[in-house]
Each structure stands twice: as C-alpha cells, then as structure tokens.
PDB file of N, CA and C in Angstrom:
ATOM      1  N   MET A   1      98.707 122.843  94.562  1.00  0.00           N
ATOM      2  CA  MET A   1      99.042 121.654  94.041  1.00  0.00           C
ATOM      3  C   MET A   1      99.505 120.853  94.544  1.00  0.00           C
ATOM      4  N   ARG A   2      99.210 119.160  94.112  1.00  0.00           N
ATOM      5  CA  ARG A   2      99.421 117.647  94.969  1.00  0.00           C
ATOM      6  C   ARG A   2     100.127 117.120  94.159  1.00  0.00           C
ATOM      7  N   TYR A   3     101.278 116.863  94.492  1.00  0.00           N
ATOM      8  CA  TYR A   3     102.489 116.151  94.163  1.00  0.00           C
ATOM      9  C   TYR A   3     102.969 114.527  94.594  1.00  0.00           C
ATOM     10  N   ALA A   4     103.152 113.720  93.869  1.00  0.00           N
ATOM     11  CA  ALA A   4     103.179 112.266  94.396  1.00  0.00           C
ATOM     12  C   ALA A   4     104.954 112.134  94.023  1.00  0.00           C
ATOM     13  N   VAL A   5     105.621 111.542  94.870  1.00  0.00           N
ATOM     14  CA  VAL A   5     106.967 110.627  94.914  1.00  0.00           C
ATOM     15  C   VAL A   5     106.822 109.259  95.432  1.00  0.00           C
ATOM     16  N   PRO A   6     107.135 108.017  94.622  1.00  0.00           N
ATOM     17  CA  PRO A   6     107.048 106.787  94.730  1.00  0.00           C
ATOM     18  C   PRO A   6     108.523 106.685  95.331  1.00  0.00           C
ATOM     19  N   VAL A   7     108.463 106.000  96.789  1.00  0.00           N
ATOM     20  CA  VAL A   7     109.572 106.079  97.652  1.00  0.00           C
ATOM     21  C   VAL A   7     109.444 104.535  98.148  1.00  0.00           C
ATOM     22  N   SER A   8     111.161 104.030  98.232  1.00  0.00           N
ATOM     23  CA  SER A   8     111.007 102.857  99.118  1.00  0.00           C
ATOM     24  C   SER A   8     112.512 102.942  99.750  1.00  0.00           C
ATOM     25  N   ASN A   9     112.134 102.704 100.789  1.00  0.00           N
ATOM     26  CA  ASN A   9     113.400 102.652 102.269  1.00  0.00           C
ATOM     27  C   ASN A   9     113.705 104.042 101.888  1.00  0.00           C
ATOM     28  N   GLY A  10     112.433 105.064 102.117  1.00  0.00           N
ATOM     29  CA  GLY A  10     112.950 106.441 102.114  1.00  0.00           C
ATOM     30  C   GLY A  10     113.922 107.328 101.098  1.00  0.00           C
ATOM     31  N   LYS A  11     113.787 106.570 100.123  1.00  0.00           N
ATOM     32  CA  LYS A  11     114.480 107.328  98.823  1.00  0.00           C
ATOM     33  C   LYS A  11     113.333 107.136  97.723  1.00  0.00           C
ATOM     34  N   VAL A  12     113.460 107.832  96.740  1.00  0.00           N
ATOM     35  CA  VAL A  12     113.055 107.740  95.677  1.00  0.00           C
ATOM     36  C   VAL A  12     113.068 106.506  95.263  1.00  0.00           C
ATOM     37  N   ALA A  13     112.058 105.768  94.853  1.00  0.00           N
ATOM     38  CA  ALA A  13     112.074 104.769  94.216  1.00  0.00           C
ATOM     39  C   ALA A  13     112.501 104.522  92.920  1.00  0.00           C
ATOM     40  N   VAL A  14     113.479 103.808  92.507  1.00  0.00           N
ATOM     41  CA  VAL A  14     114.310 103.659  91.056  1.00  0.00           C
ATOM     42  C   VAL A  14     113.086 103.042  90.307  1.00  0.00           C
ATOM     43  N   HIS A  15     112.191 102.018  90.577  1.00  0.00           N
ATOM     44  CA  HIS A  15     111.235 101.617  89.774  1.00  0.00           C
ATOM     45  C   HIS A  15     110.016 101.975  90.385  1.00  0.00           C
ATOM     46  N   PHE A  16     109.424 102.952  89.633  1.00  0.00           N
ATOM     47  CA  PHE A  16     108.292 103.560  90.156  1.00  0.00           C
ATOM     48  C   PHE A  16     106.953 102.586  90.436  1.00  0.00           C
ATOM     49  N   GLY A  17     106.598 101.419  89.689  1.00  0.00           N
ATOM     50  CA  GLY A  17     105.656 100.238  90.288  1.00  0.00           C
ATOM     51  C   GLY A  17     105.536  99.590  91.606  1.00  0.00           C
ATOM     52  N   HIS A  18     106.950  99.561  91.514  1.00  0.00           N
ATOM     53  CA  HIS A  18     107.539  98.626  92.859  1.00  0.00           C
ATOM     54  C   HIS A  18     107.635  99.291  94.404  1.00  0.00           C
ATOM     55  N   CYS A  19     107.489 100.564  94.514  1.00  0.00           N
ATOM     56  CA  CYS A  19     107.572 101.427  95.447  1.00  0.00           C
ATOM     57  C   CYS A  19     107.023 100.973  96.673  1.00  0.00           C
ATOM     58  N   GLN A  20     107.176 101.053  97.626  1.00  0.00           N
ATOM     59  CA  GLN A  20     106.638 100.703  98.863  1.00  0.00           C
ATOM     60  C   GLN A  20     105.506 101.800  99.718  1.00  0.00           C
ATOM     61  N   HIS A  21     105.843 102.616  99.119  1.00  0.00           N
ATOM     62  CA  HIS A  21     104.649 103.803  99.646  1.00  0.00           C
ATOM     63  C   HIS A  21     105.055 105.360  98.576  1.00  0.00           C
ATOM     64  N   PHE A  22     104.043 106.319  98.613  1.00  0.00           N
ATOM     65  CA  PHE A  22     103.928 107.250  98.117  1.00  0.00           C
ATOM     66  C   PHE A  22     103.979 108.401  98.856  1.00  0.00           C
ATOM     67  N   ALA A  23     104.733 109.435  98.797  1.00  0.00           N
ATOM     68  CA  ALA A  23     105.112 110.362  99.496  1.00  0.00           C
ATOM     69  C   ALA A  23     104.005 111.413  98.951  1.00  0.00           C
ATOM     70  N   LEU A  24     103.258 112.253  99.428  1.00  0.00           N
ATOM     71  CA  LEU A  24     102.066 112.989  98.852  1.00  0.00           C
ATOM     72  C   LEU A  24     102.239 114.213  99.156  1.00  0.00           C
ATOM     73  N   PHE A  25     102.546 115.215  98.617  1.00  0.00           N
ATOM     74  CA  PHE A  25     102.721 116.777  99.201  1.00  0.00           C
ATOM     75  C   PHE A  25     101.938 117.992  98.537  1.00  0.00           C
ATOM     76  N   ASP A  26     101.573 118.293  99.615  1.00  0.00           N
ATOM     77  CA  ASP A  26     100.344 119.930  98.846  1.00  0.00           C
ATOM     78  C   ASP A  26     101.667 121.043  98.763  1.00  0.00           C
ATOM     79  N   VAL A  27     101.372 121.341  97.837  1.00  0.00           N
ATOM     80  CA  VAL A  27     102.425 122.734  97.744  1.00  0.00           C
ATOM     81  C   VAL A  27     101.738 123.912  97.529  1.00  0.00           C
ATOM     82  N   ASP A  28     102.477 124.830  97.900  1.00  0.00           N
ATOM     83  CA  ASP A  28     101.928 126.725  97.182  1.00  0.00           C
ATOM     84  C   ASP A  28     103.205 126.736  96.556  1.00  0.00           C
ATOM     85  N   GLU A  29     102.501 126.592  95.181  1.00  0.00           N
ATOM     86  CA  GLU A  29     104.009 126.911  94.322  1.00  0.00           C
ATOM     87  C   GLU A  29     104.284 128.296  94.019  1.00  0.00           C
ATOM     88  N   ALA A  30     103.441 129.335  94.458  1.00  0.00           N
ATOM     89  CA  ALA A  30     103.541 130.684  93.985  1.00  0.00           C
ATOM     90  C   ALA A  30     104.769 130.796  95.339  1.00  0.00           C
ATOM     91  N   LYS A  31     104.361 130.458  96.752  1.00  0.00           N
ATOM     92  CA  LYS A  31     105.766 130.942  97.574  1.00  0.00           C
ATOM     93  C   LYS A  31     106.559 129.811  97.839  1.00  0.00           C
ATOM     94  N   GLY A  32     106.392 128.415  96.644  1.00  0.00           N
ATOM     95  CA  GLY A  32     107.865 127.754  96.537  1.00  0.00           C
ATOM     96  C   GLY A  32     107.802 126.765  97.998  1.00  0.00           C
ATOM     97  N   VAL A  33     106.749 126.589  98.731  1.00  0.00           N
ATOM     98  CA  VAL A  33     106.899 125.374  99.990  1.00  0.00           C
ATOM     99  C   VAL A  33     105.650 124.526 100.080  1.00  0.00           C
ATOM    100  N   ILE A  34     106.443 123.718 100.904  1.00  0.00           N
ATOM    101  CA  ILE A  34     105.551 122.577 100.933  1.00  0.00           C
ATOM    102  C   ILE A  34     104.486 122.672 102.084  1.00  0.00           C
ATOM    103  N   LEU A  35     103.458 122.445 101.913  1.00  0.00           N
ATOM    104  CA  LEU A  35     102.078 122.551 102.944  1.00  0.00           C
ATOM    105  C   LEU A  35     101.838 121.678 103.972  1.00  0.00           C
ATOM    106  N   ASN A  36     102.061 120.645 103.077  1.00  0.00           N
ATOM    107  CA  ASN A  36     101.032 119.590 103.874  1.00  0.00           C
ATOM    108  C   ASN A  36     102.176 118.335 103.163  1.00  0.00           C
ATOM    109  N   LYS A  37     102.502 117.226 104.170  1.00  0.00           N
ATOM    110  CA  LYS A  37     103.147 115.975 103.359  1.00  0.00           C
ATOM    111  C   LYS A  37     102.703 114.838 103.990  1.00  0.00           C
ATOM    112  N   GLU A  38     101.971 113.842 103.653  1.00  0.00           N
ATOM    113  CA  GLU A  38     101.735 112.136 103.567  1.00  0.00           C
ATOM    114  C   GLU A  38     102.550 111.202 103.217  1.00  0.00           C
ATOM    115  N   SER A  39     101.896 110.518 103.859  1.00  0.00           N
ATOM    116  CA  SER A  39     102.714 108.753 103.383  1.00  0.00           C
ATOM    117  C   SER A  39     101.461 107.762 102.638  1.00  0.00           C
ATOM    118  N   MET A  40     101.406 107.581 101.637  1.00  0.00           N
ATOM    119  CA  MET A  40     100.286 106.449 101.658  1.00  0.00           C
ATOM    120  C   MET A  40     100.957 104.949 101.270  1.00  0.00           C
ATOM    121  N   PRO A  41     100.535 104.128 101.707  1.00  0.00           N
ATOM    122  CA  PRO A  41     101.550 102.767 101.244  1.00  0.00           C
ATOM    123  C   PRO A  41     100.618 102.872  99.760  1.00  0.00           C
ATOM    124  N   SER A  42     101.555 102.101  98.947  1.00  0.00           N
ATOM    125  CA  SER A  42     101.276 101.803  97.537  1.00  0.00           C
ATOM    126  C   SER A  42     100.178 100.918  97.614  1.00  0.00           C
ATOM    127  N   PRO A  43      99.031 100.976  96.791  1.00  0.00           N
ATOM    128  CA  PRO A  43      97.568  99.472  96.662  1.00  0.00           C
ATOM    129  C   PRO A  43      98.481  98.686  95.966  1.00  0.00           C
ATOM    130  N   GLY A  44      99.572  98.417  95.345  1.00  0.00           N
ATOM    131  CA  GLY A  44     100.125  97.418  94.973  1.00  0.00           C
ATOM    132  C   GLY A  44     100.333  97.828  92.984  1.00  0.00           C
ATOM    133  N   HIS A  45     101.092  96.922  92.657  1.00  0.00           N
ATOM    134  CA  HIS A  45     101.571  96.888  91.232  1.00  0.00           C
ATOM    135  C   HIS A  45     100.561  96.407  90.137  1.00  0.00           C
ATOM    136  N   GLU A  46      99.890  96.990  89.749  1.00  0.00           N
ATOM    137  CA  GLU A  46      98.663  96.074  88.389  1.00  0.00           C
ATOM    138  C   GLU A  46      98.591  97.334  87.501  1.00  0.00           C
ATOM    139  N   PRO A  47      98.526  96.655  86.407  1.00  0.00           N
ATOM    140  CA  PRO A  47      98.327  97.726  85.083  1.00  0.00           C
ATOM    141  C   PRO A  47      97.503  98.510  85.106  1.00  0.00           C
ATOM    142  N   GLY A  48      97.655 100.032  84.880  1.00  0.00           N
ATOM    143  CA  GLY A  48      96.651 100.769  84.773  1.00  0.00           C
ATOM    144  C   GLY A  48      96.253 101.377  86.431  1.00  0.00           C
ATOM    145  N   LEU A  49      96.695 100.743  87.372  1.00  0.00           N
ATOM    146  CA  LEU A  49      95.872 101.314  88.664  1.00  0.00           C
ATOM    147  C   LEU A  49      96.778 102.271  89.444  1.00  0.00           C
ATOM    148  N   LEU A  50      97.648 102.633  89.283  1.00  0.00           N
ATOM    149  CA  LEU A  50      98.882 103.779  90.191  1.00  0.00           C
ATOM    150  C   LEU A  50      98.169 104.986  89.639  1.00  0.00           C
ATOM    151  N   PRO A  51      97.984 105.146  87.762  1.00  0.00           N
ATOM    152  CA  PRO A  51      97.399 106.329  87.700  1.00  0.00           C
ATOM    153  C   PRO A  51      95.751 106.769  88.092  1.00  0.00           C
ATOM    154  N   ILE A  52      95.340 106.001  87.971  1.00  0.00           N
ATOM    155  CA  ILE A  52      93.681 105.973  88.470  1.00  0.00           C
ATOM    156  C   ILE A  52      93.919 106.534  89.942  1.00  0.00           C
ATOM    157  N   TRP A  53      94.529 105.840  90.515  1.00  0.00           N
ATOM    158  CA  TRP A  53      94.393 105.519  92.379  1.00  0.00           C
ATOM    159  C   TRP A  53      95.042 107.169  92.563  1.00  0.00           C
ATOM    160  N   LEU A  54      96.335 107.698  91.979  1.00  0.00           N
ATOM    161  CA  LEU A  54      97.039 108.502  92.297  1.00  0.00           C
ATOM    162  C   LEU A  54      96.017 110.176  92.118  1.00  0.00           C
ATOM    163  N   ALA A  55      95.237 109.717  90.854  1.00  0.00           N
ATOM    164  CA  ALA A  55      94.543 110.779  90.326  1.00  0.00           C
ATOM    165  C   ALA A  55      93.253 111.057  91.059  1.00  0.00           C
ATOM    166  N   GLU A  56      92.584 110.029  91.835  1.00  0.00           N
ATOM    167  CA  GLU A  56      91.697 110.154  92.737  1.00  0.00           C
ATOM    168  C   GLU A  56      92.421 110.786  94.141  1.00  0.00           C
ATOM    169  N   GLN A  57      93.307 110.831  94.097  1.00  0.00           N
ATOM    170  CA  GLN A  57      94.180 111.256  95.490  1.00  0.00           C
ATOM    171  C   GLN A  57      94.439 112.865  94.935  1.00  0.00           C
ATOM    172  N   GLY A  58      93.918 113.394  94.178  1.00  0.00           N
ATOM    173  CA  GLY A  58      94.271 114.723  93.674  1.00  0.00           C
ATOM    174  C   GLY A  58      95.599 115.099  93.584  1.00  0.00           C
ATOM    175  N   VAL A  59      96.382 114.255  92.776  1.00  0.00           N
ATOM    176  CA  VAL A  59      97.671 114.640  92.280  1.00  0.00           C
ATOM    177  C   VAL A  59      97.562 114.920  91.053  1.00  0.00           C
ATOM    178  N   SER A  60      98.544 115.929  90.867  1.00  0.00           N
ATOM    179  CA  SER A  60      98.793 117.048  89.535  1.00  0.00           C
ATOM    180  C   SER A  60     100.169 116.640  89.078  1.00  0.00           C
ATOM    181  N   VAL A  61     100.986 116.059  89.797  1.00  0.00           N
ATOM    182  CA  VAL A  61     102.283 115.861  89.315  1.00  0.00           C
ATOM    183  C   VAL A  61     103.112 114.698  89.909  1.00  0.00           C
ATOM    184  N   VAL A  62     103.986 114.017  89.223  1.00  0.00           N
ATOM    185  CA  VAL A  62     104.608 112.825  89.774  1.00  0.00           C
ATOM    186  C   VAL A  62     105.891 112.672  89.508  1.00  0.00           C
ATOM    187  N   ILE A  63     106.399 113.099  90.342  1.00  0.00           N
ATOM    188  CA  ILE A  63     107.898 113.015  89.962  1.00  0.00           C
ATOM    189  C   ILE A  63     108.662 111.637  90.641  1.00  0.00           C
ATOM    190  N   ALA A  64     109.572 111.056  89.737  1.00  0.00           N
ATOM    191  CA  ALA A  64     109.773 109.639  90.015  1.00  0.00           C
ATOM    192  C   ALA A  64     111.510 109.697  89.008  1.00  0.00           C
ATOM    193  N   GLY A  65     111.708 108.466  89.379  1.00  0.00           N
ATOM    194  CA  GLY A  65     113.491 108.033  89.065  1.00  0.00           C
ATOM    195  C   GLY A  65     113.469 107.463  87.714  1.00  0.00           C
ATOM    196  N   GLY A  66     112.407 106.147  87.739  1.00  0.00           N
ATOM    197  CA  GLY A  66     112.387 106.018  86.277  1.00  0.00           C
ATOM    198  C   GLY A  66     110.586 105.164  85.953  1.00  0.00           C
ATOM    199  N   MET A  67     109.962 105.250  85.180  1.00  0.00           N
ATOM    200  CA  MET A  67     108.770 104.622  84.335  1.00  0.00           C
ATOM    201  C   MET A  67     108.779 104.627  83.265  1.00  0.00           C
ATOM    202  N   GLY A  68     108.035 103.313  83.076  1.00  0.00           N
ATOM    203  CA  GLY A  68     107.366 102.448  81.635  1.00  0.00           C
ATOM    204  C   GLY A  68     106.837 103.461  80.755  1.00  0.00           C
ATOM    205  N   SER A  69     106.473 103.435  79.388  1.00  0.00           N
ATOM    206  CA  SER A  69     106.276 104.223  78.653  1.00  0.00           C
ATOM    207  C   SER A  69     104.279 103.824  79.003  1.00  0.00           C
ATOM    208  N   ARG A  70     104.211 103.002  78.862  1.00  0.00           N
ATOM    209  CA  ARG A  70     102.658 102.699  78.972  1.00  0.00           C
ATOM    210  C   ARG A  70     102.014 103.393  80.019  1.00  0.00           C
ATOM    211  N   ALA A  71     102.800 103.735  81.258  1.00  0.00           N
ATOM    212  CA  ALA A  71     102.597 104.309  82.805  1.00  0.00           C
ATOM    213  C   ALA A  71     102.317 106.072  82.653  1.00  0.00           C
ATOM    214  N   GLN A  72     103.250 106.091  81.705  1.00  0.00           N
ATOM    215  CA  GLN A  72     103.380 107.819  81.325  1.00  0.00           C
ATOM    216  C   GLN A  72     102.091 108.074  80.588  1.00  0.00           C
ATOM    217  N   ALA A  73     102.198 107.324  79.688  1.00  0.00           N
ATOM    218  CA  ALA A  73     100.914 107.297  78.531  1.00  0.00           C
ATOM    219  C   ALA A  73      99.331 107.628  79.636  1.00  0.00           C
ATOM    220  N   LEU A  74      99.527 106.558  80.367  1.00  0.00           N
ATOM    221  CA  LEU A  74      98.246 106.398  81.250  1.00  0.00           C
ATOM    222  C   LEU A  74      98.291 107.682  82.525  1.00  0.00           C
ATOM    223  N   PHE A  75      99.535 108.087  82.688  1.00  0.00           N
ATOM    224  CA  PHE A  75      99.312 109.004  83.584  1.00  0.00           C
ATOM    225  C   PHE A  75      98.907 110.397  82.868  1.00  0.00           C
ATOM    226  N   ARG A  76      99.683 110.506  81.241  1.00  0.00           N
ATOM    227  CA  ARG A  76      98.696 111.845  80.760  1.00  0.00           C
ATOM    228  C   ARG A  76      97.247 111.733  80.582  1.00  0.00           C
ATOM    229  N   GLU A  77      96.958 110.714  80.290  1.00  0.00           N
ATOM    230  CA  GLU A  77      95.468 110.429  80.279  1.00  0.00           C
ATOM    231  C   GLU A  77      94.480 110.767  81.429  1.00  0.00           C
ATOM    232  N   ASN A  78      95.295 110.598  82.993  1.00  0.00           N
ATOM    233  CA  ASN A  78      94.463 111.308  83.592  1.00  0.00           C
ATOM    234  C   ASN A  78      94.903 112.525  84.177  1.00  0.00           C
ATOM    235  N   ARG A  79      95.333 113.336  83.237  1.00  0.00           N
ATOM    236  CA  ARG A  79      95.811 114.670  83.373  1.00  0.00           C
ATOM    237  C   ARG A  79      97.175 114.585  84.396  1.00  0.00           C
ATOM    238  N   ILE A  80      97.734 114.129  84.276  1.00  0.00           N
ATOM    239  CA  ILE A  80      98.680 113.987  85.356  1.00  0.00           C
ATOM    240  C   ILE A  80     100.577 114.578  84.685  1.00  0.00           C
ATOM    241  N   GLU A  81     101.277 115.074  85.007  1.00  0.00           N
ATOM    242  CA  GLU A  81     102.392 115.433  84.556  1.00  0.00           C
ATOM    243  C   GLU A  81     103.176 114.749  85.168  1.00  0.00           C
ATOM    244  N   VAL A  82     104.594 113.770  84.107  1.00  0.00           N
ATOM    245  CA  VAL A  82     105.005 113.363  85.059  1.00  0.00           C
ATOM    246  C   VAL A  82     106.348 113.513  84.488  1.00  0.00           C
ATOM    247  N   ILE A  83     107.439 113.716  85.694  1.00  0.00           N
ATOM    248  CA  ILE A  83     108.825 114.464  85.550  1.00  0.00           C
ATOM    249  C   ILE A  83     109.466 112.880  86.245  1.00  0.00           C
ATOM    250  N   ILE A  84     110.103 112.494  85.222  1.00  0.00           N
ATOM    251  CA  ILE A  84     111.474 111.274  85.240  1.00  0.00           C
ATOM    252  C   ILE A  84     112.516 111.802  85.083  1.00  0.00           C
ATOM    253  N   GLY A  85     113.661 110.411  85.677  1.00  0.00           N
ATOM    254  CA  GLY A  85     114.828 110.686  85.421  1.00  0.00           C
ATOM    255  C   GLY A  85     115.407 111.806  86.852  1.00  0.00           C
ATOM    256  N   THR A  86     115.008 111.871  88.061  1.00  0.00           N
ATOM    257  CA  THR A  86     115.648 112.693  88.961  1.00  0.00           C
ATOM    258  C   THR A  86     116.756 112.314  89.686  1.00  0.00           C
ATOM    259  N   LEU A  87     117.300 112.719  89.639  1.00  0.00           N
ATOM    260  CA  LEU A  87     118.803 112.374  90.233  1.00  0.00           C
ATOM    261  C   LEU A  87     118.730 112.649  91.740  1.00  0.00           C
ATOM    262  N   ASN A  88     117.685 113.397  92.487  1.00  0.00           N
ATOM    263  CA  ASN A  88     117.622 113.538  93.882  1.00  0.00           C
ATOM    264  C   ASN A  88     117.086 112.281  94.479  1.00  0.00           C
ATOM    265  N   ASP A  89     117.492 112.107  95.551  1.00  0.00           N
ATOM    266  CA  ASP A  89     116.735 110.410  95.833  1.00  0.00           C
ATOM    267  C   ASP A  89     116.181 110.945  97.006  1.00  0.00           C
ATOM    268  N   ASP A  90     116.524 112.129  97.590  1.00  0.00           N
ATOM    269  CA  ASP A  90     115.613 112.809  99.142  1.00  0.00           C
ATOM    270  C   ASP A  90     113.870 113.157  98.380  1.00  0.00           C
ATOM    271  N   PRO A  91     113.004 112.633  98.607  1.00  0.00           N
ATOM    272  CA  PRO A  91     111.224 112.977  97.937  1.00  0.00           C
ATOM    273  C   PRO A  91     111.064 114.321  98.585  1.00  0.00           C
ATOM    274  N   GLU A  92     111.679 115.001  99.603  1.00  0.00           N
ATOM    275  CA  GLU A  92     111.121 116.167  99.731  1.00  0.00           C
ATOM    276  C   GLU A  92     111.926 117.009  99.155  1.00  0.00           C
ATOM    277  N   LYS A  93     113.023 116.957  98.843  1.00  0.00           N
ATOM    278  CA  LYS A  93     114.153 117.895  98.222  1.00  0.00           C
ATOM    279  C   LYS A  93     113.604 118.095  96.796  1.00  0.00           C
ATOM    280  N   ALA A  94     113.388 116.791  96.077  1.00  0.00           N
ATOM    281  CA  ALA A  94     112.990 116.810  95.131  1.00  0.00           C
ATOM    282  C   ALA A  94     111.792 117.588  94.335  1.00  0.00           C
ATOM    283  N   ILE A  95     110.777 117.844  95.314  1.00  0.00           N
ATOM    284  CA  ILE A  95     109.836 118.375  95.340  1.00  0.00           C
ATOM    285  C   ILE A  95     110.278 120.063  95.102  1.00  0.00           C
ATOM    286  N   LEU A  96     111.098 120.510  96.372  1.00  0.00           N
ATOM    287  CA  LEU A  96     111.340 121.404  96.238  1.00  0.00           C
ATOM    288  C   LEU A  96     111.955 122.110  95.351  1.00  0.00           C
ATOM    289  N   ASP A  97     113.165 121.454  94.702  1.00  0.00           N
ATOM    290  CA  ASP A  97     113.985 121.420  93.669  1.00  0.00           C
ATOM    291  C   ASP A  97     113.008 121.730  92.283  1.00  0.00           C
ATOM    292  N   TYR A  98     112.270 120.813  92.342  1.00  0.00           N
ATOM    293  CA  TYR A  98     111.143 120.832  90.730  1.00  0.00           C
ATOM    294  C   TYR A  98     110.928 122.410  91.086  1.00  0.00           C
ATOM    295  N   ILE A  99     110.129 122.414  92.117  1.00  0.00           N
ATOM    296  CA  ILE A  99     109.001 124.095  92.034  1.00  0.00           C
ATOM    297  C   ILE A  99     110.200 125.484  92.269  1.00  0.00           C
ATOM    298  N   ARG A 100     111.194 125.046  92.508  1.00  0.00           N
ATOM    299  CA  ARG A 100     112.478 126.431  92.502  1.00  0.00           C
ATOM    300  C   ARG A 100     113.311 125.847  90.592  1.00  0.00           C
ATOM    301  N   GLY A 101     112.558 125.355  89.930  1.00  0.00           N
ATOM    302  CA  GLY A 101     113.305 125.166  88.648  1.00  0.00           C
ATOM    303  C   GLY A 101     114.262 125.010  88.654  1.00  0.00           C
ATOM    304  N   THR A 102     115.099 124.183  89.997  1.00  0.00           N
ATOM    305  CA  THR A 102     116.602 123.264  89.784  1.00  0.00           C
ATOM    306  C   THR A 102     116.538 121.784  90.164  1.00  0.00           C
ATOM    307  N   LEU A 103     115.783 121.137  89.570  1.00  0.00           N
ATOM    308  CA  LEU A 103     115.664 119.759  89.856  1.00  0.00           C
ATOM    309  C   LEU A 103     116.519 119.036  88.849  1.00  0.00           C
ATOM    310  N   ALA A 104     117.391 118.718  88.878  1.00  0.00           N
ATOM    311  CA  ALA A 104     118.544 117.897  88.186  1.00  0.00           C
ATOM    312  C   ALA A 104     117.440 116.380  87.875  1.00  0.00           C
ATOM    313  N   THR A 105     117.700 116.310  86.216  1.00  0.00           N
ATOM    314  CA  THR A 105     117.119 114.911  85.618  1.00  0.00           C
ATOM    315  C   THR A 105     118.153 114.849  84.980  1.00  0.00           C
ATOM    316  N   GLY A 106     118.201 112.834  84.423  1.00  0.00           N
ATOM    317  CA  GLY A 106     118.926 112.504  83.643  1.00  0.00           C
ATOM    318  C   GLY A 106     118.045 111.601  82.730  1.00  0.00           C
ATOM    319  N   ASP A 107     118.379 110.295  82.843  1.00  0.00           N
ATOM    320  CA  ASP A 107     117.672 109.181  81.971  1.00  0.00           C
ATOM    321  C   ASP A 107     116.964 108.612  82.767  1.00  0.00           C
ATOM    322  N   ASN A 108     115.813 107.977  82.053  1.00  0.00           N
ATOM    323  CA  ASN A 108     114.402 107.710  82.399  1.00  0.00           C
ATOM    324  C   ASN A 108     115.397 106.002  83.165  1.00  0.00           C
ATOM    325  N   ILE A 109     115.034 105.736  84.321  1.00  0.00           N
ATOM    326  CA  ILE A 109     115.795 104.557  84.766  1.00  0.00           C
ATOM    327  C   ILE A 109     115.230 103.259  84.586  1.00  0.00           C
ATOM    328  N   CYS A 110     114.216 103.339  84.377  1.00  0.00           N
ATOM    329  CA  CYS A 110     113.342 102.276  84.142  1.00  0.00           C
ATOM    330  C   CYS A 110     113.521 102.141  82.418  1.00  0.00           C
ATOM    331  N   ASP A 111     113.446 100.797  82.441  1.00  0.00           N
ATOM    332  CA  ASP A 111     113.663 100.275  80.857  1.00  0.00           C
ATOM    333  C   ASP A 111     112.570  99.346  79.957  1.00  0.00           C
ATOM    334  N   HIS A 112     111.231  99.800  80.672  1.00  0.00           N
ATOM    335  CA  HIS A 112     110.163  99.212  79.812  1.00  0.00           C
ATOM    336  C   HIS A 112     108.828 100.007  79.939  1.00  0.00           C
TER     337      HIS A 112
END
C-alpha cells in the first residue's frame, strides 16, 4: 500500500492543499512496517489536481490534519481513502500509528 502525507516545515501540514511537499510511504501492512519513503514537491494548489496527481503516484490512503469537503469527495472518486484530523505532526509516526490502529484523530482542521 502507498500512503501520502502533506508536509510543511517537516510536519503534517495543517492545510492539505497548501503543503510544501508530500511524504510518500510504501507500507507492508501485514508486517506493520514502512518499506520505502520519498518526498515529492507539491505540484501546486489547483482545484481537483491533487487527488488525480496522488492517484497517479499510486497512493491508496491520505493522512492529513485537515481537508475541505470537496477535496475529500474528489479523493473518494479516485478510490483514495482519506483520514483527516490527525493529531500527530510527525508524518512517519502518523503512518505507523495508523497501520497499527493507534492513530489519534480529532476535528478536521480545515474549515472549507
């Protein structure tokens, strides 16, 4: 499985669409380990672009602090699961906590 986390200043980005880059993680869910990690610059914030772009990168799950409802719908259309409201600001720890079933989440930080 491939996961994506929007990142700004080394932390999970508060506003999904305005992140500096995406941390992409290839994960062996059965073993609960990260197999590979890479960072890709965001292609920009343009309506509808990121869900398609991340689908092209092979992403199956996005973990974010916050995301607007339209973006969430576009991800669903691209068969990408969205986990929002992560309280963990470390991208790698957020992934590991999620695959272990211990990711703490709160409110969607994004208000649009």
